[in-house]
PDB file of N, CA and C in Angstrom:
ATOM      1  N   UNK A   1     128.581 107.330  -1.343  1.00  0.00           N
ATOM      2  CA  UNK A   1     127.698 107.844  -2.367  1.00  0.00           C
ATOM      3  C   UNK A   1     126.748 108.838  -1.734  1.00  0.00           C
ATOM      4  N   UNK A   2     126.663 109.983  -2.301  1.00  0.00           N
ATOM      5  CA  UNK A   2     125.833 111.048  -1.754  1.00  0.00           C
ATOM      6  C   UNK A   2     124.432 110.982  -2.353  1.00  0.00           C
ATOM      7  N   UNK A   3     123.421 111.051  -1.501  1.00  0.00           N
ATOM      8  CA  UNK A   3     122.035 111.031  -1.966  1.00  0.00           C
ATOM      9  C   UNK A   3     121.514 112.437  -2.184  1.00  0.00           C
ATOM     10  N   UNK A   4     120.371 112.523  -2.807  1.00  0.00           N
ATOM     11  CA  UNK A   4     119.731 113.807  -3.033  1.00  0.00           C
ATOM     12  C   UNK A   4     119.204 114.354  -1.716  1.00  0.00           C
ATOM     13  N   UNK A   5     119.328 115.656  -1.472  1.00  0.00           N
ATOM     14  CA  UNK A   5     118.855 116.207  -0.211  1.00  0.00           C
ATOM     15  C   UNK A   5     117.349 116.024  -0.053  1.00  0.00           C
ATOM     16  N   UNK A   6     116.911 115.709   1.152  1.00  0.00           N
ATOM     17  CA  UNK A   6     115.504 115.489   1.434  1.00  0.00           C
ATOM     18  C   UNK A   6     114.803 116.745   1.934  1.00  0.00           C
ATOM     19  N   UNK A   7     115.526 117.767   2.238  1.00  0.00           N
ATOM     20  CA  UNK A   7     114.904 118.996   2.744  1.00  0.00           C
ATOM     21  C   UNK A   7     115.980 119.990   3.096  1.00  0.00           C
ATOM     22  N   UNK A   8     115.569 121.091   3.672  1.00  0.00           N
ATOM     23  CA  UNK A   8     116.533 122.101   4.057  1.00  0.00           C
ATOM     24  C   UNK A   8     116.802 123.077   2.939  1.00  0.00           C
ATOM     25  N   UNK A   9     117.835 123.877   3.091  1.00  0.00           N
ATOM     26  CA  UNK A   9     118.144 124.940   2.139  1.00  0.00           C
ATOM     27  C   UNK A   9     118.604 124.404   0.784  1.00  0.00           C
ATOM     28  N   UNK A  10     119.165 123.182   0.743  1.00  0.00           N
ATOM     29  CA  UNK A  10     119.669 122.632  -0.507  1.00  0.00           C
ATOM     30  C   UNK A  10     118.580 122.010  -1.368  1.00  0.00           C
ATOM     31  N   UNK A  11     117.412 121.795  -0.808  1.00  0.00           N
ATOM     32  CA  UNK A  11     116.362 121.088  -1.523  1.00  0.00           C
ATOM     33  C   UNK A  11     115.876 121.870  -2.736  1.00  0.00           C
ATOM     34  N   UNK A  12     115.652 121.141  -3.840  1.00  0.00           N
ATOM     35  CA  UNK A  12     115.107 121.775  -5.037  1.00  0.00           C
ATOM     36  C   UNK A  12     113.595 121.906  -4.936  1.00  0.00           C
ATOM     37  N   UNK A  13     112.997 121.226  -3.994  1.00  0.00           N
ATOM     38  CA  UNK A  13     111.558 121.265  -3.817  1.00  0.00           C
ATOM     39  C   UNK A  13     111.191 122.522  -3.042  1.00  0.00           C
ATOM     40  N   UNK A  14     110.179 123.231  -3.509  1.00  0.00           N
ATOM     41  CA  UNK A  14     109.795 124.462  -2.838  1.00  0.00           C
ATOM     42  C   UNK A  14     108.344 124.386  -2.392  1.00  0.00           C
ATOM     43  N   UNK A  15     108.012 125.212  -1.432  1.00  0.00           N
ATOM     44  CA  UNK A  15     106.641 125.282  -0.958  1.00  0.00           C
ATOM     45  C   UNK A  15     105.775 125.926  -2.030  1.00  0.00           C
ATOM     46  N   UNK A  16     104.481 125.649  -1.946  1.00  0.00           N
ATOM     47  CA  UNK A  16     103.543 126.217  -2.909  1.00  0.00           C
ATOM     48  C   UNK A  16     103.479 127.717  -2.702  1.00  0.00           C
ATOM     49  N   UNK A  17     103.839 128.454  -3.726  1.00  0.00           N
ATOM     50  CA  UNK A  17     103.886 129.905  -3.621  1.00  0.00           C
ATOM     51  C   UNK A  17     102.619 130.555  -4.136  1.00  0.00           C
ATOM     52  N   UNK A  18     101.948 131.358  -3.295  1.00  0.00           N
ATOM     53  CA  UNK A  18     100.740 132.036  -3.765  1.00  0.00           C
ATOM     54  C   UNK A  18     101.095 133.208  -4.676  1.00  0.00           C
ATOM     55  N   UNK A  19     100.217 133.486  -5.601  1.00  0.00           N
ATOM     56  CA  UNK A  19     100.399 134.603  -6.510  1.00  0.00           C
ATOM     57  C   UNK A  19      99.222 134.686  -7.451  1.00  0.00           C
ATOM     58  N   UNK A  20      99.166 135.719  -8.289  1.00  0.00           N
ATOM     59  CA  UNK A  20      98.049 135.841  -9.224  1.00  0.00           C
ATOM     60  C   UNK A  20      98.298 135.057 -10.508  1.00  0.00           C
ATOM     61  N   UNK A  21      97.223 134.592 -11.142  1.00  0.00           N
ATOM     62  CA  UNK A  21      97.299 133.961 -12.456  1.00  0.00           C
ATOM     63  C   UNK A  21      97.681 135.038 -13.465  1.00  0.00           C
ATOM     64  N   UNK A  22      98.575 134.714 -14.403  1.00  0.00           N
ATOM     65  CA  UNK A  22      99.023 135.690 -15.394  1.00  0.00           C
ATOM     66  C   UNK A  22      97.902 136.107 -16.341  1.00  0.00           C
ATOM     67  N   UNK A  23      96.942 135.214 -16.582  1.00  0.00           N
ATOM     68  CA  UNK A  23      95.878 135.509 -17.546  1.00  0.00           C
ATOM     69  C   UNK A  23      94.661 136.162 -16.915  1.00  0.00           C
ATOM     70  N   UNK A  24      94.175 135.633 -15.778  1.00  0.00           N
ATOM     71  CA  UNK A  24      92.912 136.121 -15.234  1.00  0.00           C
ATOM     72  C   UNK A  24      93.066 136.856 -13.906  1.00  0.00           C
ATOM     73  N   UNK A  25      94.236 136.770 -13.259  1.00  0.00           N
ATOM     74  CA  UNK A  25      94.474 137.478 -12.007  1.00  0.00           C
ATOM     75  C   UNK A  25      93.941 136.776 -10.772  1.00  0.00           C
ATOM     76  N   UNK A  26      93.348 135.591 -10.912  1.00  0.00           N
ATOM     77  CA  UNK A  26      92.825 134.845  -9.764  1.00  0.00           C
ATOM     78  C   UNK A  26      93.983 134.372  -8.883  1.00  0.00           C
ATOM     79  N   UNK A  27      93.768 134.257  -7.562  1.00  0.00           N
ATOM     80  CA  UNK A  27      94.836 133.750  -6.690  1.00  0.00           C
ATOM     81  C   UNK A  27      95.095 132.264  -6.949  1.00  0.00           C
ATOM     82  N   UNK A  28      96.356 131.916  -7.202  1.00  0.00           N
ATOM     83  CA  UNK A  28      96.736 130.535  -7.493  1.00  0.00           C
ATOM     84  C   UNK A  28      97.984 130.163  -6.696  1.00  0.00           C
ATOM     85  N   UNK A  29      98.212 128.855  -6.567  1.00  0.00           N
ATOM     86  CA  UNK A  29      99.423 128.304  -5.966  1.00  0.00           C
ATOM     87  C   UNK A  29     100.223 127.655  -7.082  1.00  0.00           C
ATOM     88  N   UNK A  30     101.534 127.917  -7.117  1.00  0.00           N
ATOM     89  CA  UNK A  30     102.402 127.326  -8.134  1.00  0.00           C
ATOM     90  C   UNK A  30     103.507 126.541  -7.446  1.00  0.00           C
ATOM     91  N   UNK A  31     103.748 125.329  -7.936  1.00  0.00           N
ATOM     92  CA  UNK A  31     104.785 124.492  -7.347  1.00  0.00           C
ATOM     93  C   UNK A  31     105.163 123.383  -8.316  1.00  0.00           C
ATOM     94  N   UNK A  32     106.422 122.968  -8.271  1.00  0.00           N
ATOM     95  CA  UNK A  32     106.895 121.788  -8.977  1.00  0.00           C
ATOM     96  C   UNK A  32     106.642 120.607  -8.048  1.00  0.00           C
ATOM     97  N   UNK A  33     105.741 119.698  -8.424  1.00  0.00           N
ATOM     98  CA  UNK A  33     105.320 118.593  -7.558  1.00  0.00           C
ATOM     99  C   UNK A  33     105.944 117.300  -8.028  1.00  0.00           C
ATOM    100  N   UNK A  34     106.572 116.588  -7.117  1.00  0.00           N
ATOM    101  CA  UNK A  34     107.167 115.290  -7.412  1.00  0.00           C
ATOM    102  C   UNK A  34     108.677 115.352  -7.392  1.00  0.00           C
ATOM    103  N   UNK A  35     109.320 114.181  -7.290  1.00  0.00           N
ATOM    104  CA  UNK A  35     110.778 114.110  -7.228  1.00  0.00           C
ATOM    105  C   UNK A  35     111.386 113.688  -8.560  1.00  0.00           C
ATOM    106  N   UNK A  36     110.812 112.698  -9.217  1.00  0.00           N
ATOM    107  CA  UNK A  36     111.408 112.202 -10.452  1.00  0.00           C
ATOM    108  C   UNK A  36     110.681 112.729 -11.683  1.00  0.00           C
ATOM    109  N   UNK A  37     109.426 112.427 -11.817  1.00  0.00           N
ATOM    110  CA  UNK A  37     108.636 112.904 -12.951  1.00  0.00           C
ATOM    111  C   UNK A  37     107.775 114.060 -12.452  1.00  0.00           C
ATOM    112  N   UNK A  38     108.405 115.170 -12.168  1.00  0.00           N
ATOM    113  CA  UNK A  38     107.717 116.292 -11.546  1.00  0.00           C
ATOM    114  C   UNK A  38     106.789 117.001 -12.529  1.00  0.00           C
ATOM    115  N   UNK A  39     105.719 117.546 -11.978  1.00  0.00           N
ATOM    116  CA  UNK A  39     104.763 118.323 -12.752  1.00  0.00           C
ATOM    117  C   UNK A  39     104.781 119.755 -12.258  1.00  0.00           C
ATOM    118  N   UNK A  40     104.721 120.689 -13.179  1.00  0.00           N
ATOM    119  CA  UNK A  40     104.626 122.099 -12.824  1.00  0.00           C
ATOM    120  C   UNK A  40     103.135 122.403 -12.647  1.00  0.00           C
ATOM    121  N   UNK A  41     102.691 122.553 -11.397  1.00  0.00           N
ATOM    122  CA  UNK A  41     101.273 122.658 -11.080  1.00  0.00           C
ATOM    123  C   UNK A  41     100.891 124.099 -10.764  1.00  0.00           C
ATOM    124  N   UNK A  42      99.763 124.527 -11.326  1.00  0.00           N
ATOM    125  CA  UNK A  42      99.124 125.789 -10.969  1.00  0.00           C
ATOM    126  C   UNK A  42      97.727 125.430 -10.502  1.00  0.00           C
ATOM    127  N   UNK A  43      97.458 125.615  -9.208  1.00  0.00           N
ATOM    128  CA  UNK A  43      96.182 125.222  -8.610  1.00  0.00           C
ATOM    129  C   UNK A  43      95.502 126.433  -7.995  1.00  0.00           C
ATOM    130  N   UNK A  44      94.177 126.352  -7.888  1.00  0.00           N
ATOM    131  CA  UNK A  44      93.430 127.405  -7.210  1.00  0.00           C
ATOM    132  C   UNK A  44      93.926 127.516  -5.774  1.00  0.00           C
ATOM    133  N   UNK A  45      94.023 128.740  -5.259  1.00  0.00           N
ATOM    134  CA  UNK A  45      94.591 128.960  -3.940  1.00  0.00           C
ATOM    135  C   UNK A  45      93.603 128.700  -2.811  1.00  0.00           C
ATOM    136  N   UNK A  46      92.320 128.634  -3.114  1.00  0.00           N
ATOM    137  CA  UNK A  46      91.304 128.465  -2.071  1.00  0.00           C
ATOM    138  C   UNK A  46      90.991 126.985  -1.896  1.00  0.00           C
ATOM    139  N   UNK A  47      91.329 126.402  -0.722  1.00  0.00           N
ATOM    140  CA  UNK A  47      91.014 124.993  -0.494  1.00  0.00           C
ATOM    141  C   UNK A  47      89.516 124.792  -0.300  1.00  0.00           C
ATOM    142  N   UNK A  48      89.040 123.641  -0.758  1.00  0.00           N
ATOM    143  CA  UNK A  48      87.639 123.271  -0.621  1.00  0.00           C
ATOM    144  C   UNK A  48      87.570 121.802  -0.236  1.00  0.00           C
ATOM    145  N   UNK A  49      86.412 121.353   0.259  1.00  0.00           N
ATOM    146  CA  UNK A  49      86.273 119.919   0.553  1.00  0.00           C
ATOM    147  C   UNK A  49      86.433 119.090  -0.725  1.00  0.00           C
ATOM    148  N   UNK A  50      87.124 117.983  -0.599  1.00  0.00           N
ATOM    149  CA  UNK A  50      87.398 117.128  -1.762  1.00  0.00           C
ATOM    150  C   UNK A  50      86.113 116.639  -2.416  1.00  0.00           C
ATOM    151  N   UNK A  51      85.050 116.437  -1.636  1.00  0.00           N
ATOM    152  CA  UNK A  51      83.788 115.954  -2.191  1.00  0.00           C
ATOM    153  C   UNK A  51      83.197 116.955  -3.187  1.00  0.00           C
ATOM    154  N   UNK A  52      83.403 118.259  -2.957  1.00  0.00           N
ATOM    155  CA  UNK A  52      82.901 119.284  -3.873  1.00  0.00           C
ATOM    156  C   UNK A  52      83.750 119.361  -5.141  1.00  0.00           C
ATOM    157  N   UNK A  53      85.036 119.056  -5.029  1.00  0.00           N
ATOM    158  CA  UNK A  53      85.944 119.193  -6.168  1.00  0.00           C
ATOM    159  C   UNK A  53      85.999 117.957  -7.064  1.00  0.00           C
ATOM    160  N   UNK A  54      85.686 116.780  -6.531  1.00  0.00           N
ATOM    161  CA  UNK A  54      85.782 115.544  -7.317  1.00  0.00           C
ATOM    162  C   UNK A  54      84.967 115.580  -8.616  1.00  0.00           C
ATOM    163  N   UNK A  55      83.743 116.124  -8.647  1.00  0.00           N
ATOM    164  CA  UNK A  55      83.011 116.172  -9.921  1.00  0.00           C
ATOM    165  C   UNK A  55      83.671 117.069 -10.976  1.00  0.00           C
ATOM    166  N   UNK A  56      84.544 117.982 -10.569  1.00  0.00           N
ATOM    167  CA  UNK A  56      85.200 118.896 -11.504  1.00  0.00           C
ATOM    168  C   UNK A  56      86.478 118.312 -12.106  1.00  0.00           C
ATOM    169  N   UNK A  57      86.935 117.181 -11.593  1.00  0.00           N
ATOM    170  CA  UNK A  57      88.192 116.597 -12.065  1.00  0.00           C
ATOM    171  C   UNK A  57      87.975 115.824 -13.364  1.00  0.00           C
ATOM    172  N   UNK A  58      89.066 115.694 -14.115  1.00  0.00           N
ATOM    173  CA  UNK A  58      89.125 114.844 -15.299  1.00  0.00           C
ATOM    174  C   UNK A  58      90.598 114.496 -15.494  1.00  0.00           C
ATOM    175  N   UNK A  59      90.961 113.687 -16.489  1.00  0.00           N
ATOM    176  CA  UNK A  59      92.368 113.316 -16.638  1.00  0.00           C
ATOM    177  C   UNK A  59      93.317 114.501 -16.852  1.00  0.00           C
ATOM    178  N   UNK A  60      92.799 115.639 -17.298  1.00  0.00           N
ATOM    179  CA  UNK A  60      93.639 116.817 -17.503  1.00  0.00           C
ATOM    180  C   UNK A  60      93.464 117.882 -16.428  1.00  0.00           C
ATOM    181  N   UNK A  61      92.671 117.613 -15.431  1.00  0.00           N
ATOM    182  CA  UNK A  61      92.466 118.550 -14.317  1.00  0.00           C
ATOM    183  C   UNK A  61      92.461 117.731 -13.033  1.00  0.00           C
ATOM    184  N   UNK A  62      93.584 117.779 -12.314  1.00  0.00           N
ATOM    185  CA  UNK A  62      93.790 116.902 -11.167  1.00  0.00           C
ATOM    186  C   UNK A  62      93.461 117.588  -9.851  1.00  0.00           C
ATOM    187  N   UNK A  63      93.212 116.768  -8.834  1.00  0.00           N
ATOM    188  CA  UNK A  63      92.962 117.209  -7.477  1.00  0.00           C
ATOM    189  C   UNK A  63      94.243 117.001  -6.679  1.00  0.00           C
ATOM    190  N   UNK A  64      94.608 117.964  -5.816  1.00  0.00           N
ATOM    191  CA  UNK A  64      95.852 117.918  -5.058  1.00  0.00           C
ATOM    192  C   UNK A  64      95.584 118.097  -3.576  1.00  0.00           C
ATOM    193  N   UNK A  65      96.401 117.474  -2.738  1.00  0.00           N
ATOM    194  CA  UNK A  65      96.364 117.705  -1.293  1.00  0.00           C
ATOM    195  C   UNK A  65      97.186 118.947  -0.990  1.00  0.00           C
ATOM    196  N   UNK A  66      96.674 119.816  -0.151  1.00  0.00           N
ATOM    197  CA  UNK A  66      97.389 121.002   0.297  1.00  0.00           C
ATOM    198  C   UNK A  66      97.797 120.745   1.743  1.00  0.00           C
ATOM    199  N   UNK A  67      99.074 120.436   1.950  1.00  0.00           N
ATOM    200  CA  UNK A  67      99.593 120.012   3.246  1.00  0.00           C
ATOM    201  C   UNK A  67     100.292 121.174   3.933  1.00  0.00           C
ATOM    202  N   UNK A  68      99.908 121.455   5.171  1.00  0.00           N
ATOM    203  CA  UNK A  68     100.567 122.499   5.959  1.00  0.00           C
ATOM    204  C   UNK A  68     101.929 121.995   6.413  1.00  0.00           C
ATOM    205  N   UNK A  69     102.976 122.802   6.219  1.00  0.00           N
ATOM    206  CA  UNK A  69     104.333 122.437   6.621  1.00  0.00           C
ATOM    207  C   UNK A  69     104.589 122.867   8.052  1.00  0.00           C
ATOM    208  N   UNK A  70     105.457 122.138   8.749  1.00  0.00           N
ATOM    209  CA  UNK A  70     105.770 122.454  10.144  1.00  0.00           C
ATOM    210  C   UNK A  70     106.431 123.816  10.294  1.00  0.00           C
ATOM    211  N   UNK A  71     107.222 124.222   9.333  1.00  0.00           N
ATOM    212  CA  UNK A  71     107.920 125.501   9.394  1.00  0.00           C
ATOM    213  C   UNK A  71     107.099 126.658   8.865  1.00  0.00           C
ATOM    214  N   UNK A  72     105.839 126.422   8.566  1.00  0.00           N
ATOM    215  CA  UNK A  72     104.976 127.450   7.992  1.00  0.00           C
ATOM    216  C   UNK A  72     104.837 127.258   6.500  1.00  0.00           C
ATOM    217  N   UNK A  73     103.832 127.822   5.925  1.00  0.00           N
ATOM    218  CA  UNK A  73     103.563 127.673   4.504  1.00  0.00           C
ATOM    219  C   UNK A  73     102.829 126.376   4.222  1.00  0.00           C
ATOM    220  N   UNK A  74     102.718 126.043   2.958  1.00  0.00           N
ATOM    221  CA  UNK A  74     102.022 124.823   2.560  1.00  0.00           C
ATOM    222  C   UNK A  74     102.692 124.235   1.326  1.00  0.00           C
ATOM    223  N   UNK A  75     102.338 122.982   1.035  1.00  0.00           N
ATOM    224  CA  UNK A  75     102.950 122.262  -0.075  1.00  0.00           C
ATOM    225  C   UNK A  75     101.884 121.432  -0.779  1.00  0.00           C
ATOM    226  N   UNK A  76     101.921 121.422  -2.107  1.00  0.00           N
ATOM    227  CA  UNK A  76     101.027 120.573  -2.885  1.00  0.00           C
ATOM    228  C   UNK A  76     101.620 119.172  -2.970  1.00  0.00           C
ATOM    229  N   UNK A  77     100.761 118.164  -2.820  1.00  0.00           N
ATOM    230  CA  UNK A  77     101.189 116.769  -2.947  1.00  0.00           C
ATOM    231  C   UNK A  77     100.166 116.003  -3.759  1.00  0.00           C
ATOM    232  N   UNK A  78     100.629 114.863  -4.308  1.00  0.00           N
ATOM    233  CA  UNK A  78      99.704 113.999  -5.039  1.00  0.00           C
ATOM    234  C   UNK A  78      98.514 113.709  -4.149  1.00  0.00           C
ATOM    235  N   UNK A  79      97.336 113.640  -4.725  1.00  0.00           N
ATOM    236  CA  UNK A  79      96.118 113.389  -3.956  1.00  0.00           C
ATOM    237  C   UNK A  79      96.183 112.014  -3.316  1.00  0.00           C
ATOM    238  N   UNK A  80      95.908 111.951  -2.013  1.00  0.00           N
ATOM    239  CA  UNK A  80      95.906 110.689  -1.287  1.00  0.00           C
ATOM    240  C   UNK A  80      94.741 109.819  -1.755  1.00  0.00           C
ATOM    241  N   UNK A  81      94.913 108.514  -1.708  1.00  0.00           N
ATOM    242  CA  UNK A  81      93.861 107.600  -2.155  1.00  0.00           C
ATOM    243  C   UNK A  81      92.819 107.347  -1.073  1.00  0.00           C
ATOM    244  N   UNK A  82      93.046 107.827   0.112  1.00  0.00           N
ATOM    245  CA  UNK A  82      92.115 107.611   1.216  1.00  0.00           C
ATOM    246  C   UNK A  82      91.785 108.956   1.849  1.00  0.00           C
ATOM    247  N   UNK A  83      90.883 108.948   2.791  1.00  0.00           N
ATOM    248  CA  UNK A  83      90.495 110.182   3.476  1.00  0.00           C
ATOM    249  C   UNK A  83      91.627 110.594   4.413  1.00  0.00           C
ATOM    250  N   UNK A  84      92.467 111.512   3.957  1.00  0.00           N
ATOM    251  CA  UNK A  84      93.675 111.874   4.686  1.00  0.00           C
ATOM    252  C   UNK A  84      93.470 113.058   5.628  1.00  0.00           C
ATOM    253  N   UNK A  85      92.435 113.851   5.412  1.00  0.00           N
ATOM    254  CA  UNK A  85      92.193 115.009   6.260  1.00  0.00           C
ATOM    255  C   UNK A  85      92.873 116.282   5.780  1.00  0.00           C
ATOM    256  N   UNK A  86      93.673 116.209   4.718  1.00  0.00           N
ATOM    257  CA  UNK A  86      94.309 117.402   4.166  1.00  0.00           C
ATOM    258  C   UNK A  86      93.272 118.241   3.422  1.00  0.00           C
ATOM    259  N   UNK A  87      93.541 119.541   3.324  1.00  0.00           N
ATOM    260  CA  UNK A  87      92.722 120.388   2.466  1.00  0.00           C
ATOM    261  C   UNK A  87      92.965 119.977   1.022  1.00  0.00           C
ATOM    262  N   UNK A  88      91.999 120.222   0.147  1.00  0.00           N
ATOM    263  CA  UNK A  88      92.131 119.854  -1.259  1.00  0.00           C
ATOM    264  C   UNK A  88      92.019 121.097  -2.134  1.00  0.00           C
ATOM    265  N   UNK A  89      92.805 121.116  -3.218  1.00  0.00           N
ATOM    266  CA  UNK A  89      92.724 122.167  -4.232  1.00  0.00           C
ATOM    267  C   UNK A  89      92.708 121.490  -5.592  1.00  0.00           C
ATOM    268  N   UNK A  90      92.190 122.193  -6.585  1.00  0.00           N
ATOM    269  CA  UNK A  90      92.095 121.646  -7.932  1.00  0.00           C
ATOM    270  C   UNK A  90      92.934 122.493  -8.870  1.00  0.00           C
ATOM    271  N   UNK A  91      93.397 121.870  -9.942  1.00  0.00           N
ATOM    272  CA  UNK A  91      94.183 122.588 -10.935  1.00  0.00           C
ATOM    273  C   UNK A  91      93.392 123.776 -11.465  1.00  0.00           C
ATOM    274  N   UNK A  92      94.061 124.901 -11.623  1.00  0.00           N
ATOM    275  CA  UNK A  92      93.408 126.148 -12.014  1.00  0.00           C
ATOM    276  C   UNK A  92      93.008 126.147 -13.483  1.00  0.00           C
ATOM    277  N   UNK A  93      91.827 126.641 -13.754  1.00  0.00           N
ATOM    278  CA  UNK A  93      91.344 126.908 -15.104  1.00  0.00           C
ATOM    279  C   UNK A  93      90.796 128.325 -15.107  1.00  0.00           C
ATOM    280  N   UNK A  94      91.227 129.135 -16.059  1.00  0.00           N
ATOM    281  CA  UNK A  94      90.728 130.512 -16.167  1.00  0.00           C
ATOM    282  C   UNK A  94      89.264 130.491 -16.596  1.00  0.00           C
ATOM    283  N   UNK A  95      88.491 131.511 -16.178  1.00  0.00           N
ATOM    284  CA  UNK A  95      87.090 131.590 -16.610  1.00  0.00           C
ATOM    285  C   UNK A  95      86.989 131.676 -18.130  1.00  0.00           C
ATOM    286  N   UNK A  96      85.879 131.238 -18.713  1.00  0.00           N
ATOM    287  CA  UNK A  96      85.748 131.198 -20.168  1.00  0.00           C
ATOM    288  C   UNK A  96      85.874 132.549 -20.864  1.00  0.00           C
ATOM    289  N   UNK A  97      85.553 133.653 -20.214  1.00  0.00           N
ATOM    290  CA  UNK A  97      85.583 134.953 -20.863  1.00  0.00           C
ATOM    291  C   UNK A  97      86.954 135.578 -20.984  1.00  0.00           C
ATOM    292  N   UNK A  98      88.006 134.958 -20.451  1.00  0.00           N
ATOM    293  CA  UNK A  98      89.349 135.537 -20.468  1.00  0.00           C
ATOM    294  C   UNK A  98      90.005 135.273 -21.822  1.00  0.00           C
ATOM    295  N   UNK A  99      90.535 136.327 -22.431  1.00  0.00           N
ATOM    296  CA  UNK A  99      91.205 136.189 -23.727  1.00  0.00           C
ATOM    297  C   UNK A  99      92.494 135.390 -23.570  1.00  0.00           C
ATOM    298  N   UNK A 100      92.827 134.597 -24.562  1.00  0.00           N
ATOM    299  CA  UNK A 100      94.045 133.804 -24.515  1.00  0.00           C
ATOM    300  C   UNK A 100      95.258 134.715 -24.622  1.00  0.00           C
ATOM    301  N   UNK A 101      96.241 134.482 -23.768  1.00  0.00           N
ATOM    302  CA  UNK A 101      97.454 135.282 -23.750  1.00  0.00           C
ATOM    303  C   UNK A 101      98.157 135.193 -25.098  1.00  0.00           C
ATOM    304  N   UNK A 102      98.545 136.333 -25.633  1.00  0.00           N
ATOM    305  CA  UNK A 102      99.306 136.358 -26.874  1.00  0.00           C
ATOM    306  C   UNK A 102      98.462 136.513 -28.124  1.00  0.00           C
ATOM    307  N   UNK A 103      97.142 136.402 -28.019  1.00  0.00           N
ATOM    308  CA  UNK A 103      96.290 136.579 -29.208  1.00  0.00           C
ATOM    309  C   UNK A 103      96.123 138.053 -29.515  1.00  0.00           C
ATOM    310  N   UNK A 104      96.167 138.374 -30.791  1.00  0.00           N
ATOM    311  CA  UNK A 104      95.926 139.757 -31.212  1.00  0.00           C
ATOM    312  C   UNK A 104      94.431 140.009 -31.301  1.00  0.00           C
ATOM    313  N   UNK A 105      93.988 141.167 -30.852  1.00  0.00           N
ATOM    314  CA  UNK A 105      92.578 141.502 -31.039  1.00  0.00           C
ATOM    315  C   UNK A 105      92.255 141.615 -32.522  1.00  0.00           C
ATOM    316  N   UNK A 106      91.007 141.384 -32.880  1.00  0.00           N
ATOM    317  CA  UNK A 106      90.551 141.473 -34.268  1.00  0.00           C
ATOM    318  C   UNK A 106      90.876 142.841 -34.845  1.00  0.00           C
ATOM    319  N   UNK A 107      91.565 142.900 -35.976  1.00  0.00           N
ATOM    320  CA  UNK A 107      91.888 144.148 -36.639  1.00  0.00           C
ATOM    321  C   UNK A 107      93.097 144.881 -36.082  1.00  0.00           C
ATOM    322  N   UNK A 108      93.821 144.273 -35.132  1.00  0.00           N
ATOM    323  CA  UNK A 108      94.983 144.950 -34.539  1.00  0.00           C
ATOM    324  C   UNK A 108      96.129 145.007 -35.544  1.00  0.00           C
ATOM    325  N   UNK A 109      96.894 146.093 -35.503  1.00  0.00           N
ATOM    326  CA  UNK A 109      98.021 146.282 -36.423  1.00  0.00           C
ATOM    327  C   UNK A 109      99.346 145.847 -35.811  1.00  0.00           C
ATOM    328  N   UNK A 110      99.384 145.415 -34.591  1.00  0.00           N
ATOM    329  CA  UNK A 110     100.632 145.037 -33.928  1.00  0.00           C
ATOM    330  C   UNK A 110     100.787 143.557 -33.869  1.00  0.00           C
TER     331      UNK A 110
END
């Protein structure tokens, strides 16, 4: 019986890829996190101490560990329950002044 690949070129798991947010242009990391019930995560790209980010969390805005990979790059993982020493990032939220993608401006004919 063949198991699911744990790493290498065949792995469906990818490293956290940096890029801009489609709505506000802020630098974010995007990755599918988890093996079975995976979440499509978009997190702020700038790591901060977990103590500063904990007050900003809620059930819909999670904190993630940003783990450096041996081959280079980084990977988002579920937040550790103890002081693990990993950098921490929080799920991205666009600033309040950014217009929602797809909304027509008031009075637009298109």
